[in-house]
Amino acid sequence: MKIIDMLPIIAFFVVAKTMDFYAATKVLMVLLVLLAAFYWIKERKMPKGHTAVAVLGCVLGGATLYFHSTTFLQYKLTVVYWAFGAALLFSQFFGDKPLAQRACETALQLPDHVWRGINLSCALLFLFVGGMNVVAIKFLPEDRWVNFKAFTIVLNFIFAFAQIPFLYKYLPKEEEGQK
């Protein structure tokens, strides 16, 4: 994930904290479309994950604004996380390679059993966080839910960094002569 990919959610958080949820929803929708346009111009293709998130964000954001109910956009996190979790879980048992391996194998060479472990742990994380979001929507007021949403992003980074000790022994070693 690149920094530019984080801009819509960072802007959503800032606007939700300084203005209100509905203004933040508008900003989120505009930035998701601009991000999609950026990728189209830069790469002449739309990454599937970005496209799905942008479409879902605009549809549920539009419903949030039309019905003046935060619930629609709040459930976007659950829908996206459960969809990603289900796709990862499905690929764990069907197909020649897990989805995590297909997405990252050009950057990282790992044994199959390690890819399967990463894939399964990512699937479980997404399913768990999606479920936590349902609980947060039910029991937290809107402003606290925005904090929870920010926490889920931090949780993803913590999870990614927690993988490093397990992956370290598989990373390429620097040769003595290359120092």
Foldseek 3Di string as FASTA:
>chain_A
DDPLVCVLLVQLLVCCVVPNNLVSLVSSLVSLVVVQVVCCVVPVDGPPLSVVLNVQSNVLSVVCVVVVNCVSNLLSLLVSLQVLLVQQVVQLPDDDAGPQCVVCVVPFPDDRVVRSVVSNVSSVLSNVLSVVSVVCVVPPPPNVSSVVVVVSVVVVVVVVVVCCVVCVVRDDDDDPVVD
